Amino acid sequence: MICRVENDGEIKENKPIYIPGLDWQKDLKLSVLANNDVKVLHNSINHGVHMVAVSCVESKDDIHYVRKVLGMKGQHIKILAKLQS
């Protein structure tokens, strides 16, 4: 990747970046959920959570995947999606 810096500043760890034209799930083969997110979802089921919020949702497939991770035990949990377009 080649880029041009237009503003000075520091890019710190664990900060998101936006790259126009990049489909991060297809091009980078990333999941809407990180490994730690899956652990958090499983723990949320055991703690009686009623709703979870999911960032960077790009399609219904992302929500279906979250629903699959929640499984039968988490079928009552509502999913709030932060849409990414």
Protein backbone atom coordinates (compact mmCIF):
# COMPACT_ATOMS: atom_id res chain seq x y z
CA MET A 1 0.00 0.00 0.00
CA ILE A 2 1.26 3.46 -0.87
CA CYS A 3 -0.16 6.46 0.97
CA ARG A 4 0.35 10.19 1.19
CA VAL A 5 0.33 11.89 4.58
CA GLU A 6 -1.93 14.95 4.52
CA ASN A 7 -2.06 15.71 8.25
CA ASP A 8 0.55 15.27 10.91
CA GLY A 9 -0.26 13.09 13.86
CA GLU A 10 0.31 9.70 15.34
CA ILE A 11 -1.55 6.49 14.52
CA LYS A 12 -1.80 4.61 17.79
CA GLU A 13 -2.40 0.93 18.38
CA ASN A 14 -5.93 -0.49 18.18
CA LYS A 15 -7.30 2.48 16.23
CA PRO A 16 -9.45 1.88 13.16
CA ILE A 17 -8.50 3.13 9.71
CA TYR A 18 -10.69 3.62 6.66
CA ILE A 19 -9.36 2.73 3.22
CA PRO A 20 -11.70 3.79 0.39
CA GLY A 21 -12.57 0.96 -1.97
CA LEU A 22 -11.39 -1.78 0.39
CA ASP A 23 -13.88 -4.47 1.34
CA TRP A 24 -12.17 -5.45 4.58
CA GLN A 25 -14.09 -8.71 4.99
CA LYS A 26 -13.47 -9.96 1.46
CA ASP A 27 -10.08 -8.41 0.70
CA LEU A 28 -8.56 -9.05 4.13
CA LYS A 29 -10.68 -12.09 5.00
CA LEU A 30 -11.67 -10.64 8.36
CA SER A 31 -14.67 -11.52 10.46
CA VAL A 32 -17.06 -8.97 11.95
CA LEU A 33 -16.04 -10.53 15.29
CA ALA A 34 -12.52 -10.81 16.65
CA ASN A 35 -11.55 -13.89 18.68
CA ASN A 36 -12.03 -11.95 21.91
CA ASP A 37 -15.51 -10.84 20.76
CA VAL A 38 -16.60 -14.46 20.48
CA LYS A 39 -15.47 -15.07 24.08
CA VAL A 40 -17.34 -11.96 25.23
CA LEU A 41 -20.52 -13.11 23.46
CA HIS A 42 -20.33 -16.52 25.11
CA ASN A 43 -19.82 -14.89 28.52
CA SER A 44 -22.74 -12.52 27.89
CA ILE A 45 -25.08 -15.49 27.53
CA ASN A 46 -24.04 -16.76 30.97
CA HIS A 47 -24.55 -13.32 32.54
CA GLY A 48 -28.11 -12.77 31.31
CA VAL A 49 -27.39 -10.01 28.78
CA HIS A 50 -30.48 -8.92 26.83
CA MET A 51 -28.74 -7.03 23.99
CA VAL A 52 -25.33 -6.84 22.32
CA ALA A 53 -23.96 -4.12 20.02
CA VAL A 54 -21.88 -5.07 16.99
CA SER A 55 -19.69 -2.51 15.20
CA CYS A 56 -18.70 -2.40 11.52
CA VAL A 57 -21.68 -4.38 10.24
CA GLU A 58 -21.72 -4.35 6.45
CA SER A 59 -24.38 -6.92 5.59
CA LYS A 60 -27.06 -9.20 6.97
CA ASP A 61 -24.50 -12.01 6.81
CA ASP A 62 -22.59 -10.30 9.63
CA ILE A 63 -25.68 -10.40 11.84
CA HIS A 64 -26.39 -14.01 10.87
CA TYR A 65 -22.84 -14.87 11.93
CA VAL A 66 -23.29 -13.16 15.31
CA ARG A 67 -26.60 -14.99 15.75
CA LYS A 68 -24.84 -18.28 14.93
CA VAL A 69 -22.14 -17.56 17.52
CA LEU A 70 -24.82 -16.81 20.13
CA GLY A 71 -26.44 -20.15 19.35
CA MET A 72 -29.61 -21.56 20.90
CA LYS A 73 -28.69 -20.38 24.42
CA GLY A 74 -28.41 -16.80 23.15
CA GLN A 75 -31.40 -16.78 20.80
CA HIS A 76 -33.24 -14.32 23.10
CA ILE A 77 -30.42 -11.73 22.88
CA LYS A 78 -31.18 -8.76 20.65
CA ILE A 79 -28.44 -7.52 18.31
CA LEU A 80 -27.86 -3.81 17.76
CA ALA A 81 -25.88 -3.21 14.57
CA LYS A 82 -23.64 -0.22 13.87
CA LEU A 83 -23.85 -0.14 10.07
CA GLN A 84 -20.76 0.47 7.97
CA SER A 85 -21.18 1.58 4.39
